[in-house]
Amino acid sequence: MDGDPHIHVQAKVMQDDAAVRNMLASSFGLAGDLPSHVATGCGLQVPRTRTSAEPNSVTCLPCREHAQAEHLRLAEQVERLSRMPGSIIGPAQAELAAERHRDLARKFSGAED
């Protein structure tokens, strides 16, 4: 992707390979390599270093729209799952998590309060 000036968002907005890698390294002393390129919300494969999960950093409009939609979907999913019998997340926790996702969706849309 030579010449692409944009910062993108990973296609799976909740996937954090670095966090998983760090957890495995601290738990088991194992550290696998992170992929050098990742799929993005706009459908490109870009170097991992050209992605961000921070709304203010993402400059690719299709990626911003993708992240906004994904965070709204995740907010609804958290609320729905919290209402299921036997759920390990309660309504108060779900409300906090859903609001965090909605806040991120607003930030990705550019409609910050």
N, C-alpha and C. Protein backbone atom coordinates (compact mmCIF):
# COMPACT_ATOMS: atom_id res chain seq x y z
N MET A 1 0.83 -1.17 0.00
CA MET A 1 0.00 0.00 0.00
C MET A 1 0.88 1.24 0.00
N ASP A 2 1.86 1.28 -0.84
CA ASP A 2 2.75 2.43 -0.91
C ASP A 2 1.98 3.68 -1.29
N GLY A 3 2.29 4.76 -0.61
CA GLY A 3 1.67 6.03 -0.95
C GLY A 3 0.33 6.29 -0.27
N ASP A 4 -0.20 5.35 0.47
CA ASP A 4 -1.48 5.57 1.17
C ASP A 4 -1.22 6.45 2.38
N PRO A 5 -1.75 7.66 2.38
CA PRO A 5 -1.46 8.58 3.48
C PRO A 5 -2.35 8.37 4.71
N HIS A 6 -3.34 7.49 4.61
CA HIS A 6 -4.35 7.39 5.66
C HIS A 6 -3.97 6.45 6.79
N ILE A 7 -4.56 6.75 7.95
CA ILE A 7 -4.52 5.85 9.09
C ILE A 7 -5.86 5.13 9.09
N HIS A 8 -5.82 3.83 9.19
CA HIS A 8 -7.01 2.99 9.07
C HIS A 8 -7.38 2.40 10.43
N VAL A 9 -8.50 1.67 10.44
CA VAL A 9 -8.92 0.92 11.62
C VAL A 9 -8.99 -0.55 11.21
N GLN A 10 -8.61 -1.45 12.11
CA GLN A 10 -8.68 -2.87 11.80
C GLN A 10 -10.13 -3.28 11.56
N ALA A 11 -10.34 -4.23 10.66
CA ALA A 11 -11.69 -4.69 10.32
C ALA A 11 -12.42 -5.20 11.55
N LYS A 12 -11.72 -5.91 12.42
CA LYS A 12 -12.31 -6.40 13.66
C LYS A 12 -11.94 -5.40 14.74
N VAL A 13 -12.83 -4.45 15.00
CA VAL A 13 -12.49 -3.34 15.89
C VAL A 13 -12.19 -3.77 17.32
N MET A 14 -12.67 -4.90 17.76
CA MET A 14 -12.41 -5.35 19.13
C MET A 14 -11.23 -6.32 19.20
N GLN A 15 -10.61 -6.59 18.09
CA GLN A 15 -9.48 -7.52 18.09
C GLN A 15 -8.21 -6.77 18.46
N ASP A 16 -7.56 -7.22 19.48
CA ASP A 16 -6.31 -6.60 19.89
C ASP A 16 -5.27 -7.69 20.05
N ASP A 17 -4.62 -8.02 18.93
CA ASP A 17 -3.61 -9.08 18.95
C ASP A 17 -2.48 -8.76 19.92
N ALA A 18 -2.16 -7.48 20.05
CA ALA A 18 -1.06 -7.10 20.95
C ALA A 18 -1.41 -7.43 22.39
N ALA A 19 -2.66 -7.18 22.79
CA ALA A 19 -3.08 -7.48 24.16
C ALA A 19 -3.02 -8.98 24.42
N VAL A 20 -3.47 -9.77 23.47
CA VAL A 20 -3.43 -11.23 23.61
C VAL A 20 -1.98 -11.69 23.69
N ARG A 21 -1.14 -11.15 22.83
CA ARG A 21 0.27 -11.50 22.82
C ARG A 21 0.92 -11.16 24.17
N ASN A 22 0.62 -9.99 24.70
CA ASN A 22 1.19 -9.58 25.98
C ASN A 22 0.73 -10.47 27.13
N MET A 23 -0.56 -10.86 27.10
CA MET A 23 -1.10 -11.74 28.13
C MET A 23 -0.41 -13.10 28.08
N LEU A 24 -0.24 -13.66 26.89
CA LEU A 24 0.45 -14.94 26.75
C LEU A 24 1.90 -14.85 27.19
N ALA A 25 2.53 -13.74 26.84
CA ALA A 25 3.94 -13.57 27.23
C ALA A 25 4.08 -13.48 28.74
N SER A 26 3.18 -12.75 29.38
CA SER A 26 3.29 -12.61 30.84
C SER A 26 2.86 -13.89 31.56
N SER A 27 1.94 -14.64 30.99
CA SER A 27 1.46 -15.86 31.65
C SER A 27 2.37 -17.05 31.42
N PHE A 28 2.83 -17.21 30.18
CA PHE A 28 3.55 -18.43 29.82
C PHE A 28 4.98 -18.20 29.34
N GLY A 29 5.37 -16.96 29.21
CA GLY A 29 6.71 -16.67 28.70
C GLY A 29 6.81 -16.88 27.20
N LEU A 30 5.66 -16.95 26.53
CA LEU A 30 5.64 -17.13 25.08
C LEU A 30 5.23 -15.82 24.42
N ALA A 31 5.84 -15.50 23.32
CA ALA A 31 5.46 -14.28 22.60
C ALA A 31 5.52 -14.56 21.11
N GLY A 32 4.35 -14.73 20.51
CA GLY A 32 4.29 -14.94 19.07
C GLY A 32 4.42 -13.62 18.34
N ASP A 33 4.78 -13.71 17.09
CA ASP A 33 4.90 -12.51 16.26
C ASP A 33 3.53 -12.01 15.85
N LEU A 34 3.37 -10.69 15.88
CA LEU A 34 2.14 -10.09 15.37
C LEU A 34 2.25 -10.02 13.86
N PRO A 35 1.11 -10.16 13.16
CA PRO A 35 1.18 -10.03 11.70
C PRO A 35 1.61 -8.61 11.33
N SER A 36 2.39 -8.49 10.27
CA SER A 36 2.87 -7.17 9.87
C SER A 36 1.79 -6.38 9.14
N HIS A 37 0.85 -7.07 8.49
CA HIS A 37 -0.25 -6.43 7.78
C HIS A 37 -1.58 -6.94 8.32
N VAL A 38 -2.59 -6.07 8.32
CA VAL A 38 -3.91 -6.43 8.83
C VAL A 38 -4.99 -5.97 7.85
N ALA A 39 -6.15 -6.63 7.92
CA ALA A 39 -7.31 -6.21 7.14
C ALA A 39 -7.93 -4.99 7.82
N THR A 40 -8.42 -4.07 7.02
CA THR A 40 -8.99 -2.84 7.56
C THR A 40 -10.48 -2.76 7.28
N GLY A 41 -11.11 -1.79 7.92
CA GLY A 41 -12.55 -1.57 7.74
C GLY A 41 -12.93 -1.20 6.33
N CYS A 42 -11.99 -0.64 5.56
CA CYS A 42 -12.28 -0.25 4.17
C CYS A 42 -11.93 -1.35 3.19
N GLY A 43 -11.44 -2.49 3.71
CA GLY A 43 -11.16 -3.64 2.85
C GLY A 43 -9.72 -3.76 2.37
N LEU A 44 -8.86 -2.86 2.77
CA LEU A 44 -7.46 -2.94 2.37
C LEU A 44 -6.66 -3.79 3.34
N GLN A 45 -5.49 -4.21 2.92
CA GLN A 45 -4.49 -4.83 3.78
C GLN A 45 -3.40 -3.78 3.93
N VAL A 46 -3.15 -3.35 5.16
CA VAL A 46 -2.15 -2.31 5.38
C VAL A 46 -1.21 -2.74 6.50
N PRO A 47 -0.03 -2.11 6.58
CA PRO A 47 0.85 -2.41 7.71
C PRO A 47 0.14 -2.09 9.02
N ARG A 48 0.34 -2.94 10.01
CA ARG A 48 -0.28 -2.74 11.33
C ARG A 48 0.02 -1.34 11.86
N THR A 49 1.19 -0.84 11.56
CA THR A 49 1.58 0.49 12.05
C THR A 49 0.77 1.61 11.45
N ARG A 50 -0.01 1.33 10.41
CA ARG A 50 -0.86 2.34 9.77
C ARG A 50 -2.31 2.22 10.24
N THR A 51 -2.52 1.59 11.40
CA THR A 51 -3.87 1.47 11.96
C THR A 51 -3.90 2.05 13.37
N SER A 52 -5.11 2.40 13.79
CA SER A 52 -5.32 2.91 15.14
C SER A 52 -6.73 2.60 15.58
N ALA A 53 -6.92 2.45 16.87
CA ALA A 53 -8.26 2.27 17.43
C ALA A 53 -8.77 3.59 18.01
N GLU A 54 -7.95 4.63 17.94
CA GLU A 54 -8.31 5.95 18.47
C GLU A 54 -9.03 6.76 17.39
N PRO A 55 -10.28 7.15 17.64
CA PRO A 55 -11.05 7.88 16.64
C PRO A 55 -10.35 9.11 16.08
N ASN A 56 -9.65 9.86 16.92
CA ASN A 56 -8.99 11.08 16.45
C ASN A 56 -7.82 10.80 15.51
N SER A 57 -7.33 9.57 15.49
CA SER A 57 -6.18 9.23 14.65
C SER A 57 -6.56 8.67 13.30
N VAL A 58 -7.76 8.09 13.18
CA VAL A 58 -8.17 7.42 11.94
C VAL A 58 -8.58 8.47 10.91
N THR A 59 -7.89 8.46 9.76
CA THR A 59 -8.17 9.46 8.72
C THR A 59 -8.89 8.88 7.51
N CYS A 60 -9.04 7.57 7.43
CA CYS A 60 -9.74 6.93 6.31
C CYS A 60 -11.25 6.97 6.60
N LEU A 61 -12.00 7.69 5.78
CA LEU A 61 -13.44 7.84 6.01
C LEU A 61 -14.19 6.50 6.01
N PRO A 62 -13.97 5.61 5.03
CA PRO A 62 -14.66 4.31 5.09
C PRO A 62 -14.33 3.52 6.36
N CYS A 63 -13.10 3.63 6.85
CA CYS A 63 -12.73 2.94 8.10
C CYS A 63 -13.46 3.57 9.28
N ARG A 64 -13.59 4.90 9.29
CA ARG A 64 -14.32 5.58 10.36
C ARG A 64 -15.78 5.12 10.38
N GLU A 65 -16.39 5.03 9.19
CA GLU A 65 -17.78 4.58 9.09
C GLU A 65 -17.91 3.14 9.55
N HIS A 66 -16.95 2.31 9.16
CA HIS A 66 -16.96 0.90 9.59
C HIS A 66 -16.87 0.80 11.11
N ALA A 67 -15.95 1.54 11.71
CA ALA A 67 -15.78 1.50 13.16
C ALA A 67 -17.03 2.01 13.87
N GLN A 68 -17.63 3.05 13.35
CA GLN A 68 -18.87 3.58 13.95
C GLN A 68 -19.95 2.50 13.95
N ALA A 69 -20.16 1.86 12.81
CA ALA A 69 -21.18 0.81 12.71
C ALA A 69 -20.87 -0.37 13.63
N GLU A 70 -19.60 -0.77 13.69
CA GLU A 70 -19.21 -1.89 14.55
C GLU A 70 -19.43 -1.58 16.03
N HIS A 71 -19.11 -0.38 16.46
CA HIS A 71 -19.31 -0.03 17.87
C HIS A 71 -20.80 0.06 18.22
N LEU A 72 -21.63 0.53 17.30
CA LEU A 72 -23.07 0.53 17.55
C LEU A 72 -23.60 -0.90 17.63
N ARG A 73 -23.10 -1.78 16.76
CA ARG A 73 -23.51 -3.19 16.78
C ARG A 73 -23.08 -3.84 18.09
N LEU A 74 -21.87 -3.56 18.53
CA LEU A 74 -21.38 -4.14 19.78
C LEU A 74 -22.18 -3.64 20.98
N ALA A 75 -22.59 -2.37 20.97
CA ALA A 75 -23.41 -1.83 22.06
C ALA A 75 -24.72 -2.59 22.17
N GLU A 76 -25.37 -2.81 21.02
CA GLU A 76 -26.64 -3.56 21.02
C GLU A 76 -26.43 -5.00 21.46
N GLN A 77 -25.33 -5.60 21.02
CA GLN A 77 -25.05 -6.99 21.37
C GLN A 77 -24.81 -7.15 22.87
N VAL A 78 -24.06 -6.25 23.47
CA VAL A 78 -23.80 -6.32 24.91
C VAL A 78 -25.11 -6.23 25.69
N GLU A 79 -25.95 -5.29 25.30
CA GLU A 79 -27.24 -5.14 26.00
C GLU A 79 -28.11 -6.37 25.83
N ARG A 80 -28.17 -6.92 24.62
CA ARG A 80 -28.99 -8.10 24.37
C ARG A 80 -28.47 -9.30 25.17
N LEU A 81 -27.15 -9.50 25.16
CA LEU A 81 -26.59 -10.64 25.88
C LEU A 81 -26.77 -10.52 27.39
N SER A 82 -26.78 -9.31 27.91
CA SER A 82 -26.95 -9.13 29.37
C SER A 82 -28.35 -9.51 29.83
N ARG A 83 -29.30 -9.50 28.91
CA ARG A 83 -30.69 -9.85 29.27
C ARG A 83 -30.97 -11.34 29.18
N MET A 84 -30.00 -12.10 28.71
CA MET A 84 -30.20 -13.54 28.57
C MET A 84 -30.08 -14.21 29.93
N PRO A 85 -30.88 -15.25 30.18
CA PRO A 85 -30.78 -15.98 31.44
C PRO A 85 -29.38 -16.54 31.63
N GLY A 86 -28.85 -16.38 32.83
CA GLY A 86 -27.53 -16.91 33.15
C GLY A 86 -26.38 -16.05 32.66
N SER A 87 -26.66 -14.87 32.18
CA SER A 87 -25.61 -13.99 31.68
C SER A 87 -24.62 -13.65 32.79
N ILE A 88 -23.35 -13.63 32.45
CA ILE A 88 -22.33 -13.28 33.45
C ILE A 88 -22.15 -11.77 33.57
N ILE A 89 -22.81 -11.02 32.71
CA ILE A 89 -22.74 -9.56 32.79
C ILE A 89 -24.13 -9.04 33.17
N GLY A 90 -24.16 -8.21 34.19
CA GLY A 90 -25.42 -7.67 34.66
C GLY A 90 -25.85 -6.44 33.87
N PRO A 91 -27.09 -6.01 34.08
CA PRO A 91 -27.61 -4.85 33.36
C PRO A 91 -26.79 -3.57 33.57
N ALA A 92 -26.31 -3.35 34.78
CA ALA A 92 -25.53 -2.12 35.05
C ALA A 92 -24.19 -2.17 34.30
N GLN A 93 -23.53 -3.33 34.31
CA GLN A 93 -22.27 -3.47 33.58
C GLN A 93 -22.51 -3.33 32.09
N ALA A 94 -23.59 -3.93 31.60
CA ALA A 94 -23.91 -3.86 30.18
C ALA A 94 -24.18 -2.42 29.76
N GLU A 95 -24.88 -1.69 30.60
CA GLU A 95 -25.17 -0.30 30.28
C GLU A 95 -23.89 0.52 30.15
N LEU A 96 -22.95 0.30 31.05
CA LEU A 96 -21.66 1.00 30.98
C LEU A 96 -20.89 0.64 29.71
N ALA A 97 -20.84 -0.66 29.42
CA ALA A 97 -20.12 -1.12 28.22
C ALA A 97 -20.79 -0.60 26.95
N ALA A 98 -22.12 -0.65 26.91
CA ALA A 98 -22.84 -0.17 25.73
C ALA A 98 -22.64 1.33 25.54
N GLU A 99 -22.65 2.08 26.62
CA GLU A 99 -22.43 3.52 26.50
C GLU A 99 -21.02 3.82 26.02
N ARG A 100 -20.05 3.04 26.46
CA ARG A 100 -18.68 3.24 25.98
C ARG A 100 -18.60 3.01 24.48
N HIS A 101 -19.27 1.95 23.99
CA HIS A 101 -19.28 1.69 22.55
C HIS A 101 -20.02 2.79 21.79
N ARG A 102 -21.12 3.26 22.34
CA ARG A 102 -21.86 4.35 21.67
C ARG A 102 -21.02 5.64 21.65
N ASP A 103 -20.28 5.89 22.72
CA ASP A 103 -19.41 7.06 22.76
C ASP A 103 -18.33 6.95 21.68
N LEU A 104 -17.73 5.77 21.55
CA LEU A 104 -16.74 5.57 20.49
C LEU A 104 -17.37 5.73 19.11
N ALA A 105 -18.59 5.23 18.93
CA ALA A 105 -19.28 5.39 17.65
C ALA A 105 -19.48 6.87 17.33
N ARG A 106 -19.88 7.67 18.33
CA ARG A 106 -20.03 9.12 18.12
C ARG A 106 -18.71 9.76 17.73
N LYS A 107 -17.65 9.35 18.39
CA LYS A 107 -16.33 9.91 18.08
C LYS A 107 -15.88 9.55 16.67
N PHE A 108 -16.15 8.31 16.24
CA PHE A 108 -15.80 7.92 14.88
C PHE A 108 -16.65 8.66 13.85
N SER A 109 -17.88 9.03 14.21
CA SER A 109 -18.73 9.77 13.27
C SER A 109 -18.34 11.23 13.20
N GLY A 110 -17.56 11.69 14.17
CA GLY A 110 -17.16 13.09 14.22
C GLY A 110 -18.16 13.94 14.97
N ALA A 111 -19.19 13.33 15.56
CA ALA A 111 -20.24 14.05 16.28
C ALA A 111 -20.00 14.00 17.78
N GLU A 112 -18.85 14.51 18.20
CA GLU A 112 -18.56 14.52 19.64
C GLU A 112 -19.35 15.60 20.33
N ASP A 113 -19.72 15.32 21.57
CA ASP A 113 -20.48 16.31 22.36
C ASP A 113 -19.57 17.39 22.88
